[in-house]
PDB file of N, CA and C in Angstrom:
ATOM      1  N   MET A   1     -72.305-105.603  93.998  1.00  0.00           N
ATOM      2  CA  MET A   1     -71.456-104.851  93.083  1.00  0.00           C
ATOM      3  C   MET A   1     -70.230-104.318  93.796  1.00  0.00           C
ATOM      4  N   LYS A   2     -70.403-103.934  95.067  1.00  0.00           N
ATOM      5  CA  LYS A   2     -69.281-103.397  95.828  1.00  0.00           C
ATOM      6  C   LYS A   2     -68.206-104.465  96.022  1.00  0.00           C
ATOM      7  N   GLU A   3     -68.642-105.707  96.237  1.00  0.00           N
ATOM      8  CA  GLU A   3     -67.674-106.780  96.412  1.00  0.00           C
ATOM      9  C   GLU A   3     -66.877-107.023  95.127  1.00  0.00           C
ATOM     10  N   ALA A   4     -67.535-106.890  93.995  1.00  0.00           N
ATOM     11  CA  ALA A   4     -66.844-107.082  92.715  1.00  0.00           C
ATOM     12  C   ALA A   4     -65.781-106.002  92.523  1.00  0.00           C
ATOM     13  N   LYS A   5     -66.107-104.768  92.909  1.00  0.00           N
ATOM     14  CA  LYS A   5     -65.120-103.681  92.807  1.00  0.00           C
ATOM     15  C   LYS A   5     -63.936-103.952  93.728  1.00  0.00           C
ATOM     16  N   ASP A   6     -64.239-104.433  94.937  1.00  0.00           N
ATOM     17  CA  ASP A   6     -63.155-104.739  95.872  1.00  0.00           C
ATOM     18  C   ASP A   6     -62.263-105.855  95.343  1.00  0.00           C
ATOM     19  N   VAL A   7     -62.875-106.883  94.765  1.00  0.00           N
ATOM     20  CA  VAL A   7     -62.111-108.002  94.215  1.00  0.00           C
ATOM     21  C   VAL A   7     -61.249-107.522  93.057  1.00  0.00           C
ATOM     22  N   LEU A   8     -61.829-106.706  92.171  1.00  0.00           N
ATOM     23  CA  LEU A   8     -61.054-106.170  91.042  1.00  0.00           C
ATOM     24  C   LEU A   8     -59.913-105.286  91.534  1.00  0.00           C
ATOM     25  N   ARG A   9     -60.163-104.517  92.572  1.00  0.00           N
ATOM     26  CA  ARG A   9     -59.113-103.657  93.131  1.00  0.00           C
ATOM     27  C   ARG A   9     -57.969-104.514  93.688  1.00  0.00           C
ATOM     28  N   ILE A  10     -58.310-105.575  94.390  1.00  0.00           N
ATOM     29  CA  ILE A  10     -57.286-106.462  94.962  1.00  0.00           C
ATOM     30  C   ILE A  10     -56.505-107.155  93.852  1.00  0.00           C
ATOM     31  N   VAL A  11     -57.221-107.645  92.833  1.00  0.00           N
ATOM     32  CA  VAL A  11     -56.544-108.305  91.709  1.00  0.00           C
ATOM     33  C   VAL A  11     -55.632-107.317  90.992  1.00  0.00           C
ATOM     34  N   GLY A  12     -56.098-106.079  90.822  1.00  0.00           N
ATOM     35  CA  GLY A  12     -55.271-105.045  90.196  1.00  0.00           C
ATOM     36  C   GLY A  12     -54.009-104.763  90.998  1.00  0.00           C
ATOM     37  N   MET A  13     -54.157-104.697  92.306  1.00  0.00           N
ATOM     38  CA  MET A  13     -52.979-104.463  93.153  1.00  0.00           C
ATOM     39  C   MET A  13     -51.996-105.625  93.047  1.00  0.00           C
ATOM     40  N   ILE A  14     -52.508-106.838  93.014  1.00  0.00           N
ATOM     41  CA  ILE A  14     -51.624-108.005  92.900  1.00  0.00           C
ATOM     42  C   ILE A  14     -50.895-107.986  91.559  1.00  0.00           C
ATOM     43  N   LEU A  15     -51.627-107.678  90.474  1.00  0.00           N
ATOM     44  CA  LEU A  15     -50.986-107.615  89.158  1.00  0.00           C
ATOM     45  C   LEU A  15     -49.951-106.493  89.096  1.00  0.00           C
ATOM     46  N   LEU A  16     -50.269-105.344  89.697  1.00  0.00           N
ATOM     47  CA  LEU A  16     -49.301-104.236  89.729  1.00  0.00           C
ATOM     48  C   LEU A  16     -48.062-104.641  90.526  1.00  0.00           C
ATOM     49  N   GLY A  17     -48.288-105.320  91.640  1.00  0.00           N
ATOM     50  CA  GLY A  17     -47.162-105.789  92.441  1.00  0.00           C
ATOM     51  C   GLY A  17     -46.281-106.764  91.680  1.00  0.00           C
ATOM     52  N   LEU A  18     -46.899-107.690  90.957  1.00  0.00           N
ATOM     53  CA  LEU A  18     -46.129-108.640  90.148  1.00  0.00           C
ATOM     54  C   LEU A  18     -45.348-107.928  89.045  1.00  0.00           C
ATOM     55  N   PHE A  19     -45.982-106.936  88.409  1.00  0.00           N
ATOM     56  CA  PHE A  19     -45.306-106.182  87.358  1.00  0.00           C
ATOM     57  C   PHE A  19     -44.086-105.457  87.919  1.00  0.00           C
ATOM     58  N   VAL A  20     -44.289-104.774  89.039  1.00  0.00           N
ATOM     59  CA  VAL A  20     -43.169-104.057  89.658  1.00  0.00           C
ATOM     60  C   VAL A  20     -42.079-105.040  90.055  1.00  0.00           C
ATOM     61  N   PHE A  21     -42.462-106.164  90.618  1.00  0.00           N
ATOM     62  CA  PHE A  21     -41.492-107.176  91.033  1.00  0.00           C
ATOM     63  C   PHE A  21     -40.683-107.680  89.836  1.00  0.00           C
ATOM     64  N   MET A  22     -41.352-107.949  88.721  1.00  0.00           N
ATOM     65  CA  MET A  22     -40.669-108.486  87.542  1.00  0.00           C
ATOM     66  C   MET A  22     -39.801-107.440  86.855  1.00  0.00           C
ATOM     67  N   VAL A  23     -40.163-106.164  86.949  1.00  0.00           N
ATOM     68  CA  VAL A  23     -39.381-105.108  86.297  1.00  0.00           C
ATOM     69  C   VAL A  23     -38.241-104.640  87.191  1.00  0.00           C
ATOM     70  N   VAL A  24     -38.514-104.451  88.471  1.00  0.00           N
ATOM     71  CA  VAL A  24     -37.528-103.867  89.381  1.00  0.00           C
ATOM     72  C   VAL A  24     -36.485-104.891  89.824  1.00  0.00           C
ATOM     73  N   LEU A  25     -36.875-106.141  90.001  1.00  0.00           N
ATOM     74  CA  LEU A  25     -35.938-107.150  90.504  1.00  0.00           C
ATOM     75  C   LEU A  25     -34.700-107.309  89.623  1.00  0.00           C
ATOM     76  N   PRO A  26     -34.819-107.420  88.298  1.00  0.00           N
ATOM     77  CA  PRO A  26     -33.599-107.512  87.482  1.00  0.00           C
ATOM     78  C   PRO A  26     -32.725-106.257  87.569  1.00  0.00           C
ATOM     79  N   LEU A  27     -33.364-105.095  87.672  1.00  0.00           N
ATOM     80  CA  LEU A  27     -32.575-103.860  87.800  1.00  0.00           C
ATOM     81  C   LEU A  27     -31.800-103.841  89.114  1.00  0.00           C
ATOM     82  N   VAL A  28     -32.464-104.226  90.189  1.00  0.00           N
ATOM     83  CA  VAL A  28     -31.792-104.260  91.499  1.00  0.00           C
ATOM     84  C   VAL A  28     -30.674-105.293  91.486  1.00  0.00           C
ATOM     85  N   ALA A  29     -30.907-106.439  90.868  1.00  0.00           N
ATOM     86  CA  ALA A  29     -29.871-107.471  90.797  1.00  0.00           C
ATOM     87  C   ALA A  29     -28.676-106.976  89.991  1.00  0.00           C
ATOM     88  N   LYS A  30     -28.929-106.265  88.903  1.00  0.00           N
ATOM     89  CA  LYS A  30     -27.839-105.744  88.089  1.00  0.00           C
ATOM     90  C   LYS A  30     -27.028-104.707  88.872  1.00  0.00           C
ATOM     91  N   ILE A  31     -27.723-103.813  89.572  1.00  0.00           N
ATOM     92  CA  ILE A  31     -27.021-102.791  90.357  1.00  0.00           C
ATOM     93  C   ILE A  31     -26.217-103.447  91.476  1.00  0.00           C
ATOM     94  N   ALA A  32     -26.809-104.440  92.135  1.00  0.00           N
ATOM     95  CA  ALA A  32     -26.096-105.139  93.211  1.00  0.00           C
ATOM     96  C   ALA A  32     -24.873-105.853  92.656  1.00  0.00           C
ATOM     97  N   GLY A  33     -25.009-106.461  91.479  1.00  0.00           N
ATOM     98  CA  GLY A  33     -23.867-107.135  90.857  1.00  0.00           C
ATOM     99  C   GLY A  33     -22.773-106.153  90.490  1.00  0.00           C
ATOM    100  N   MET A  34     -23.164-105.000  89.962  1.00  0.00           N
ATOM    101  CA  MET A  34     -22.175-103.985  89.601  1.00  0.00           C
ATOM    102  C   MET A  34     -21.464-103.483  90.848  1.00  0.00           C
ATOM    103  N   THR A  35     -22.207-103.294  91.935  1.00  0.00           N
ATOM    104  CA  THR A  35     -21.603-102.837  93.185  1.00  0.00           C
ATOM    105  C   THR A  35     -20.627-103.876  93.707  1.00  0.00           C
ATOM    106  N   PHE A  36     -21.008-105.154  93.642  1.00  0.00           N
ATOM    107  CA  PHE A  36     -20.143-106.226  94.121  1.00  0.00           C
ATOM    108  C   PHE A  36     -18.852-106.282  93.310  1.00  0.00           C
ATOM    109  N   VAL A  37     -18.969-106.170  91.989  1.00  0.00           N
ATOM    110  CA  VAL A  37     -17.786-106.169  91.125  1.00  0.00           C
ATOM    111  C   VAL A  37     -16.920-104.959  91.425  1.00  0.00           C
ATOM    112  N   PHE A  38     -17.543-103.793  91.625  1.00  0.00           N
ATOM    113  CA  PHE A  38     -16.795-102.578  91.939  1.00  0.00           C
ATOM    114  C   PHE A  38     -16.016-102.741  93.235  1.00  0.00           C
ATOM    115  N   LEU A  39     -16.638-103.329  94.249  1.00  0.00           N
ATOM    116  CA  LEU A  39     -15.946-103.531  95.528  1.00  0.00           C
ATOM    117  C   LEU A  39     -14.767-104.492  95.373  1.00  0.00           C
ATOM    118  N   ILE A  40     -14.919-105.522  94.566  1.00  0.00           N
ATOM    119  CA  ILE A  40     -13.820-106.466  94.343  1.00  0.00           C
ATOM    120  C   ILE A  40     -12.668-105.768  93.634  1.00  0.00           C
ATOM    121  N   VAL A  41     -12.978-104.944  92.630  1.00  0.00           N
ATOM    122  CA  VAL A  41     -11.931-104.220  91.898  1.00  0.00           C
ATOM    123  C   VAL A  41     -11.198-103.269  92.826  1.00  0.00           C
ATOM    124  N   VAL A  42     -11.934-102.552  93.669  1.00  0.00           N
ATOM    125  CA  VAL A  42     -11.297-101.628  94.616  1.00  0.00           C
ATOM    126  C   VAL A  42     -10.412-102.399  95.594  1.00  0.00           C
ATOM    127  N   ALA A  43     -10.873-103.549  96.062  1.00  0.00           N
ATOM    128  CA  ALA A  43     -10.072-104.346  96.995  1.00  0.00           C
ATOM    129  C   ALA A  43      -8.783-104.816  96.334  1.00  0.00           C
ATOM    130  N   ILE A  44      -8.843-105.244  95.089  1.00  0.00           N
ATOM    131  CA  ILE A  44      -7.641-105.692  94.381  1.00  0.00           C
ATOM    132  C   ILE A  44      -6.665-104.543  94.200  1.00  0.00           C
ATOM    133  N   LYS A  45      -7.177-103.359  93.858  1.00  0.00           N
ATOM    134  CA  LYS A  45      -6.294-102.206  93.681  1.00  0.00           C
ATOM    135  C   LYS A  45      -5.640-101.804  95.000  1.00  0.00           C
ATOM    136  N   LEU A  46      -6.386-101.891  96.105  1.00  0.00           N
ATOM    137  CA  LEU A  46      -5.809-101.564  97.408  1.00  0.00           C
ATOM    138  C   LEU A  46      -4.724-102.565  97.795  1.00  0.00           C
ATOM    139  N   ILE A  47      -4.929-103.839  97.481  1.00  0.00           N
ATOM    140  CA  ILE A  47      -3.909-104.845  97.775  1.00  0.00           C
ATOM    141  C   ILE A  47      -2.652-104.573  96.953  1.00  0.00           C
ATOM    142  N   LYS A  48      -2.814-104.232  95.674  1.00  0.00           N
ATOM    143  CA  LYS A  48      -1.654-103.913  94.839  1.00  0.00           C
ATOM    144  C   LYS A  48      -0.908-102.701  95.391  1.00  0.00           C
ATOM    145  N   LEU A  49      -1.650-101.681  95.810  1.00  0.00           N
ATOM    146  CA  LEU A  49      -1.021-100.488  96.384  1.00  0.00           C
ATOM    147  C   LEU A  49      -0.256-100.842  97.654  1.00  0.00           C
ATOM    148  N   ALA A  50      -0.831-101.696  98.497  1.00  0.00           N
ATOM    149  CA  ALA A  50      -0.158-102.094  99.732  1.00  0.00           C
ATOM    150  C   ALA A  50       1.128-102.859  99.428  1.00  0.00           C
ATOM    151  N   VAL A  51       1.117-103.714  98.433  1.00  0.00           N
ATOM    152  CA  VAL A  51       2.325-104.467  98.065  1.00  0.00           C
ATOM    153  C   VAL A  51       3.396-103.515  97.542  1.00  0.00           C
ATOM    154  N   ILE A  52       3.018-102.563  96.717  1.00  0.00           N
ATOM    155  CA  ILE A  52       3.991-101.594  96.189  1.00  0.00           C
ATOM    156  C   ILE A  52       4.592-100.769  97.328  1.00  0.00           C
ATOM    157  N   LEU A  53       3.751-100.308  98.255  1.00  0.00           N
ATOM    158  CA  LEU A  53       4.267 -99.538  99.387  1.00  0.00           C
ATOM    159  C   LEU A  53       5.210-100.383 100.248  1.00  0.00           C
ATOM    160  N   ALA A  54       4.901-101.654 100.438  1.00  0.00           N
ATOM    161  CA  ALA A  54       5.765-102.530 101.234  1.00  0.00           C
ATOM    162  C   ALA A  54       7.114-102.719 100.547  1.00  0.00           C
ATOM    163  N   ILE A  55       7.114-102.890  99.241  1.00  0.00           N
ATOM    164  CA  ILE A  55       8.369-103.067  98.504  1.00  0.00           C
ATOM    165  C   ILE A  55       9.209-101.798  98.589  1.00  0.00           C
ATOM    166  N   VAL A  56       8.582-100.638  98.407  1.00  0.00           N
ATOM    167  CA  VAL A  56       9.319 -99.363  98.500  1.00  0.00           C
ATOM    168  C   VAL A  56       9.894 -99.196  99.900  1.00  0.00           C
ATOM    169  N   TYR A  57       9.121 -99.536 100.924  1.00  0.00           N
ATOM    170  CA  TYR A  57       9.607 -99.423 102.296  1.00  0.00           C
ATOM    171  C   TYR A  57      10.809-100.339 102.527  1.00  0.00           C
ATOM    172  N   LEU A  58      10.731-101.569 102.035  1.00  0.00           N
ATOM    173  CA  LEU A  58      11.853-102.488 102.214  1.00  0.00           C
ATOM    174  C   LEU A  58      13.104-101.989 101.487  1.00  0.00           C
ATOM    175  N   ILE A  59      12.925-101.418 100.315  1.00  0.00           N
ATOM    176  CA  ILE A  59      14.073-100.871  99.583  1.00  0.00           C
ATOM    177  C   ILE A  59      14.686 -99.712 100.367  1.00  0.00           C
ATOM    178  N   LEU A  60      13.845 -98.831 100.897  1.00  0.00           N
ATOM    179  CA  LEU A  60      14.371 -97.692 101.674  1.00  0.00           C
ATOM    180  C   LEU A  60      15.086 -98.155 102.937  1.00  0.00           C
ATOM    181  N   VAL A  61      14.531 -99.156 103.618  1.00  0.00           N
ATOM    182  CA  VAL A  61      15.191 -99.679 104.823  1.00  0.00           C
ATOM    183  C   VAL A  61      16.505-100.336 104.458  1.00  0.00           C
ATOM    184  N   GLY A  62      16.556-101.042 103.327  1.00  0.00           N
ATOM    185  CA  GLY A  62      17.806-101.668 102.888  1.00  0.00           C
ATOM    186  C   GLY A  62      18.864-100.624 102.556  1.00  0.00           C
ATOM    187  N   ILE A  63      18.480 -99.561 101.870  1.00  0.00           N
ATOM    188  CA  ILE A  63      19.444 -98.495 101.558  1.00  0.00           C
ATOM    189  C   ILE A  63      19.941 -97.836 102.846  1.00  0.00           C
ATOM    190  N   ARG A  64      19.032 -97.601 103.788  1.00  0.00           N
ATOM    191  CA  ARG A  64      19.424 -96.979 105.046  1.00  0.00           C
ATOM    192  C   ARG A  64      20.397 -97.881 105.817  1.00  0.00           C
ATOM    193  N   ALA A  65      20.174 -99.196 105.768  1.00  0.00           N
ATOM    194  CA  ALA A  65      21.051-100.120 106.481  1.00  0.00           C
ATOM    195  C   ALA A  65      22.427-100.155 105.813  1.00  0.00           C
ATOM    196  N   LEU A  66      22.465-100.026 104.467  1.00  0.00           N
ATOM    197  CA  LEU A  66      23.753-100.027 103.778  1.00  0.00           C
ATOM    198  C   LEU A  66      24.550 -98.763 104.078  1.00  0.00           C
ATOM    199  N   LEU A  67      23.875 -97.647 104.289  1.00  0.00           N
ATOM    200  CA  LEU A  67      24.566 -96.374 104.518  1.00  0.00           C
ATOM    201  C   LEU A  67      25.086 -96.255 105.940  1.00  0.00           C
ATOM    202  N   ARG A  68      24.660 -97.082 106.860  1.00  0.00           N
ATOM    203  CA  ARG A  68      25.135 -96.979 108.235  1.00  0.00           C
ATOM    204  C   ARG A  68      26.454 -97.623 108.422  1.00  0.00           C
TER     205      ARG A  68
END
């Protein structure tokens, strides 16, 4: 009887593990995907900011060169 309880306990743990795996894995994948998209959006915004700053700097240097 003790062996049957042990077998049932092991089977229960395996089923619980499968349930957690099937429920948690899609949530983790969704969060990871959202994080990846967020990082891409932040990178694009930083590149746009860098381009704007470079253009402003070039305009200021051009004005300074004209005034000399």
